[in-house]
Structure formats: C-alpha cells, structure tokens
Amino acid sequence: MDAGTQEPAAAARIREIRQRIDQIDQAIIDLWQERARLSQEVGATRMASGGTRLVLSREREILERFRVALGSDGTQLALLLLRAGRGPL
C-alpha cells in the first residue's frame, strides 16, 4: 500500500493510521447494517399493528440530531441512514 511518502517513519505511521481507519470503516458498515435492520423492523411492526409506514416527526428528530452534531454533512448522512432503513418510498 502506497503511503505517499518515502520517509520510513512517516510511512509506518500512515500505515498504522490507515489500519485504524479501516477498523472504524468496518464498524461503521456493521452499525449501518444493524441500524437499517432495526429501522426496517420498527416499520414492519408499526405497519402490522395498523400504524403508518413513516413517522415524519421521528425523521425530523434524527435529521436535527445529525445536523447539530455534524453540520450540513450530518443532514446528508442522516438522509442516507433514513433511506437505508425505510427502503424506497
């Protein structure tokens, strides 16, 4: 894996950092998939009991939480998470 530098100490540190980034990425993927499954279960349970498919007030809460924590990128991330959990509309 190219570290982008020829300096051995810097290259070694970059490899260490990248290993941690890869671990974090895997955790994000695992959590993303778990969240989507749980969200789908909530929707299926709600619909099976005669409820609505979506609860827009809940989606607004999630959007706001991510926006406050992460700014406009957080809003985009939350929209992706919501879409993964509810499936196509």
N, C-alpha and C. Protein backbone atom coordinates (compact mmCIF):
# COMPACT_ATOMS: atom_id res chain seq x y z
N MET A 1 0.85 -1.18 0.00
CA MET A 1 0.00 0.00 0.00
C MET A 1 0.89 1.24 0.00
N ASP A 2 0.64 2.12 -0.93
CA ASP A 2 1.44 3.33 -1.07
C ASP A 2 1.05 4.33 0.01
N ALA A 3 2.02 4.75 0.79
CA ALA A 3 1.79 5.73 1.85
C ALA A 3 1.88 7.16 1.34
N GLY A 4 2.41 7.34 0.14
CA GLY A 4 2.54 8.68 -0.41
C GLY A 4 3.77 9.42 0.07
N THR A 5 4.67 8.72 0.73
CA THR A 5 5.91 9.32 1.20
C THR A 5 7.01 8.26 1.21
N GLN A 6 8.23 8.71 1.01
CA GLN A 6 9.38 7.80 1.04
C GLN A 6 10.04 7.75 2.42
N GLU A 7 9.65 8.63 3.32
CA GLU A 7 10.26 8.69 4.64
C GLU A 7 9.73 7.52 5.48
N PRO A 8 10.60 6.60 5.92
CA PRO A 8 10.16 5.36 6.57
C PRO A 8 9.29 5.56 7.81
N ALA A 9 9.64 6.48 8.69
CA ALA A 9 8.85 6.67 9.91
C ALA A 9 7.46 7.20 9.58
N ALA A 10 7.39 8.14 8.66
CA ALA A 10 6.10 8.69 8.26
C ALA A 10 5.25 7.63 7.57
N ALA A 11 5.88 6.83 6.71
CA ALA A 11 5.15 5.77 6.00
C ALA A 11 4.61 4.74 7.00
N ALA A 12 5.40 4.40 8.00
CA ALA A 12 4.95 3.44 9.01
C ALA A 12 3.77 4.01 9.79
N ARG A 13 3.85 5.28 10.16
CA ARG A 13 2.75 5.91 10.91
C ARG A 13 1.50 5.97 10.06
N ILE A 14 1.65 6.29 8.79
CA ILE A 14 0.49 6.34 7.90
C ILE A 14 -0.17 4.97 7.81
N ARG A 15 0.63 3.91 7.72
CA ARG A 15 0.07 2.55 7.68
C ARG A 15 -0.71 2.24 8.96
N GLU A 16 -0.17 2.64 10.11
CA GLU A 16 -0.86 2.43 11.39
C GLU A 16 -2.20 3.16 11.40
N ILE A 17 -2.17 4.41 10.99
CA ILE A 17 -3.40 5.22 10.97
C ILE A 17 -4.42 4.60 10.02
N ARG A 18 -3.97 4.17 8.86
CA ARG A 18 -4.88 3.57 7.89
C ARG A 18 -5.50 2.28 8.40
N GLN A 19 -4.74 1.51 9.18
CA GLN A 19 -5.30 0.30 9.77
C GLN A 19 -6.44 0.66 10.71
N ARG A 20 -6.25 1.70 11.51
CA ARG A 20 -7.32 2.13 12.42
C ARG A 20 -8.51 2.65 11.63
N ILE A 21 -8.25 3.40 10.57
CA ILE A 21 -9.33 3.90 9.72
C ILE A 21 -10.12 2.73 9.16
N ASP A 22 -9.43 1.69 8.71
CA ASP A 22 -10.12 0.51 8.18
C ASP A 22 -10.98 -0.16 9.24
N GLN A 23 -10.50 -0.20 10.48
CA GLN A 23 -11.29 -0.76 11.58
C GLN A 23 -12.54 0.08 11.83
N ILE A 24 -12.37 1.38 11.82
CA ILE A 24 -13.51 2.28 12.02
C ILE A 24 -14.50 2.13 10.88
N ASP A 25 -14.01 2.06 9.64
CA ASP A 25 -14.89 1.87 8.50
C ASP A 25 -15.72 0.60 8.65
N GLN A 26 -15.09 -0.48 9.11
CA GLN A 26 -15.83 -1.73 9.28
C GLN A 26 -16.88 -1.60 10.36
N ALA A 27 -16.54 -0.90 11.43
CA ALA A 27 -17.52 -0.68 12.49
C ALA A 27 -18.70 0.14 11.97
N ILE A 28 -18.42 1.15 11.16
CA ILE A 28 -19.49 1.97 10.58
C ILE A 28 -20.38 1.10 9.69
N ILE A 29 -19.77 0.27 8.87
CA ILE A 29 -20.55 -0.62 7.99
C ILE A 29 -21.43 -1.55 8.82
N ASP A 30 -20.84 -2.16 9.85
CA ASP A 30 -21.60 -3.08 10.70
C ASP A 30 -22.76 -2.36 11.39
N LEU A 31 -22.49 -1.17 11.93
CA LEU A 31 -23.54 -0.40 12.60
C LEU A 31 -24.61 0.08 11.61
N TRP A 32 -24.18 0.47 10.42
CA TRP A 32 -25.12 0.89 9.38
C TRP A 32 -26.10 -0.24 9.08
N GLN A 33 -25.57 -1.44 8.90
CA GLN A 33 -26.41 -2.59 8.58
C GLN A 33 -27.34 -2.94 9.73
N GLU A 34 -26.82 -2.88 10.96
CA GLU A 34 -27.67 -3.16 12.12
C GLU A 34 -28.78 -2.12 12.23
N ARG A 35 -28.42 -0.85 12.04
CA ARG A 35 -29.41 0.21 12.13
C ARG A 35 -30.50 0.04 11.08
N ALA A 36 -30.11 -0.29 9.86
CA ALA A 36 -31.09 -0.49 8.79
C ALA A 36 -32.04 -1.63 9.15
N ARG A 37 -31.50 -2.74 9.65
CA ARG A 37 -32.36 -3.87 10.04
C ARG A 37 -33.34 -3.47 11.14
N LEU A 38 -32.84 -2.77 12.14
CA LEU A 38 -33.71 -2.37 13.25
C LEU A 38 -34.78 -1.40 12.77
N SER A 39 -34.41 -0.47 11.94
CA SER A 39 -35.37 0.50 11.42
C SER A 39 -36.44 -0.19 10.59
N GLN A 40 -36.02 -1.14 9.78
CA GLN A 40 -37.00 -1.90 8.99
C GLN A 40 -37.94 -2.69 9.89
N GLU A 41 -37.41 -3.23 10.99
CA GLU A 41 -38.25 -3.96 11.93
C GLU A 41 -39.26 -3.03 12.59
N VAL A 42 -38.82 -1.83 12.95
CA VAL A 42 -39.74 -0.85 13.54
C VAL A 42 -40.87 -0.56 12.55
N GLY A 43 -40.52 -0.31 11.30
CA GLY A 43 -41.54 0.00 10.30
C GLY A 43 -42.50 -1.15 10.08
N ALA A 44 -41.98 -2.36 9.99
CA ALA A 44 -42.83 -3.54 9.79
C ALA A 44 -43.75 -3.75 10.99
N THR A 45 -43.22 -3.57 12.18
CA THR A 45 -44.03 -3.74 13.39
C THR A 45 -45.12 -2.69 13.45
N ARG A 46 -44.76 -1.46 13.14
CA ARG A 46 -45.73 -0.37 13.16
C ARG A 46 -46.84 -0.62 12.15
N MET A 47 -46.47 -1.01 10.93
CA MET A 47 -47.48 -1.24 9.89
C MET A 47 -48.35 -2.46 10.21
N ALA A 48 -47.76 -3.50 10.79
CA ALA A 48 -48.52 -4.70 11.14
C ALA A 48 -49.55 -4.41 12.22
N SER A 49 -49.30 -3.37 13.00
CA SER A 49 -50.24 -3.02 14.06
C SER A 49 -51.20 -1.91 13.63
N GLY A 50 -51.21 -1.62 12.33
CA GLY A 50 -52.14 -0.63 11.81
C GLY A 50 -51.61 0.79 11.79
N GLY A 51 -50.34 0.95 12.09
CA GLY A 51 -49.75 2.29 12.10
C GLY A 51 -49.31 2.73 10.71
N THR A 52 -48.71 3.88 10.67
CA THR A 52 -48.25 4.45 9.40
C THR A 52 -46.88 3.88 9.03
N ARG A 53 -46.55 3.97 7.77
CA ARG A 53 -45.25 3.49 7.31
C ARG A 53 -44.12 4.35 7.85
N LEU A 54 -44.33 5.66 7.85
CA LEU A 54 -43.32 6.61 8.31
C LEU A 54 -43.88 7.46 9.43
N VAL A 55 -42.98 7.89 10.30
CA VAL A 55 -43.33 8.88 11.32
C VAL A 55 -42.40 10.06 11.06
N LEU A 56 -42.95 11.06 10.39
CA LEU A 56 -42.13 12.18 9.95
C LEU A 56 -41.52 12.95 11.11
N SER A 57 -42.22 13.03 12.23
CA SER A 57 -41.65 13.75 13.38
C SER A 57 -40.39 13.03 13.87
N ARG A 58 -40.37 11.71 13.83
CA ARG A 58 -39.19 10.94 14.22
C ARG A 58 -38.05 11.21 13.23
N GLU A 59 -38.36 11.23 11.95
CA GLU A 59 -37.32 11.51 10.95
C GLU A 59 -36.75 12.91 11.14
N ARG A 60 -37.59 13.87 11.46
CA ARG A 60 -37.10 15.24 11.71
C ARG A 60 -36.18 15.27 12.92
N GLU A 61 -36.51 14.51 13.98
CA GLU A 61 -35.63 14.44 15.16
C GLU A 61 -34.25 13.91 14.78
N ILE A 62 -34.23 12.87 13.98
CA ILE A 62 -32.96 12.27 13.56
C ILE A 62 -32.16 13.25 12.71
N LEU A 63 -32.82 13.88 11.75
CA LEU A 63 -32.15 14.87 10.90
C LEU A 63 -31.55 15.99 11.74
N GLU A 64 -32.31 16.47 12.71
CA GLU A 64 -31.83 17.57 13.55
C GLU A 64 -30.65 17.13 14.40
N ARG A 65 -30.71 15.93 14.97
CA ARG A 65 -29.61 15.42 15.80
C ARG A 65 -28.31 15.37 15.00
N PHE A 66 -28.39 14.85 13.78
CA PHE A 66 -27.20 14.74 12.95
C PHE A 66 -26.73 16.12 12.48
N ARG A 67 -27.67 17.02 12.18
CA ARG A 67 -27.29 18.36 11.73
C ARG A 67 -26.56 19.10 12.84
N VAL A 68 -27.08 19.02 14.06
CA VAL A 68 -26.45 19.70 15.19
C VAL A 68 -25.05 19.14 15.43
N ALA A 69 -24.91 17.82 15.36
CA ALA A 69 -23.62 17.20 15.66
C ALA A 69 -22.61 17.37 14.54
N LEU A 70 -23.07 17.35 13.28
CA LEU A 70 -22.14 17.27 12.16
C LEU A 70 -22.33 18.34 11.09
N GLY A 71 -23.26 19.24 11.28
CA GLY A 71 -23.48 20.28 10.28
C GLY A 71 -24.22 19.74 9.07
N SER A 72 -24.05 20.42 7.94
CA SER A 72 -24.81 20.03 6.74
C SER A 72 -24.44 18.63 6.26
N ASP A 73 -23.20 18.21 6.46
CA ASP A 73 -22.84 16.83 6.11
C ASP A 73 -23.63 15.84 6.96
N GLY A 74 -23.90 16.20 8.21
CA GLY A 74 -24.69 15.35 9.07
C GLY A 74 -26.10 15.16 8.55
N THR A 75 -26.67 16.22 8.00
CA THR A 75 -28.00 16.13 7.42
C THR A 75 -27.99 15.14 6.26
N GLN A 76 -26.98 15.23 5.42
CA GLN A 76 -26.89 14.31 4.28
C GLN A 76 -26.70 12.87 4.75
N LEU A 77 -25.88 12.68 5.77
CA LEU A 77 -25.67 11.35 6.32
C LEU A 77 -26.98 10.80 6.89
N ALA A 78 -27.70 11.62 7.64
CA ALA A 78 -28.96 11.19 8.22
C ALA A 78 -29.96 10.80 7.14
N LEU A 79 -30.00 11.56 6.05
CA LEU A 79 -30.92 11.22 4.96
C LEU A 79 -30.58 9.85 4.37
N LEU A 80 -29.30 9.56 4.23
CA LEU A 80 -28.88 8.25 3.73
C LEU A 80 -29.26 7.14 4.71
N LEU A 81 -29.04 7.38 6.00
CA LEU A 81 -29.42 6.39 7.01
C LEU A 81 -30.92 6.13 6.99
N LEU A 82 -31.69 7.19 6.91
CA LEU A 82 -33.14 7.03 6.89
C LEU A 82 -33.58 6.25 5.67
N ARG A 83 -33.01 6.55 4.52
CA ARG A 83 -33.37 5.83 3.30
C ARG A 83 -33.00 4.35 3.41
N ALA A 84 -31.85 4.06 3.99
CA ALA A 84 -31.43 2.66 4.14
C ALA A 84 -32.39 1.91 5.05
N GLY A 85 -32.91 2.59 6.04
CA GLY A 85 -33.80 1.94 7.00
C GLY A 85 -35.22 1.76 6.54
N ARG A 86 -35.69 2.66 5.71
CA ARG A 86 -37.10 2.58 5.31
C ARG A 86 -37.27 1.96 3.94
N GLY A 87 -36.20 1.88 3.16
CA GLY A 87 -36.31 1.37 1.81
C GLY A 87 -36.90 2.41 0.89
N PRO A 88 -37.14 2.03 -0.35
CA PRO A 88 -37.71 3.00 -1.30
C PRO A 88 -39.12 3.38 -0.92
N LEU A 89 -39.44 4.65 -1.14
CA LEU A 89 -40.80 5.12 -0.84
C LEU A 89 -41.75 4.83 -1.97
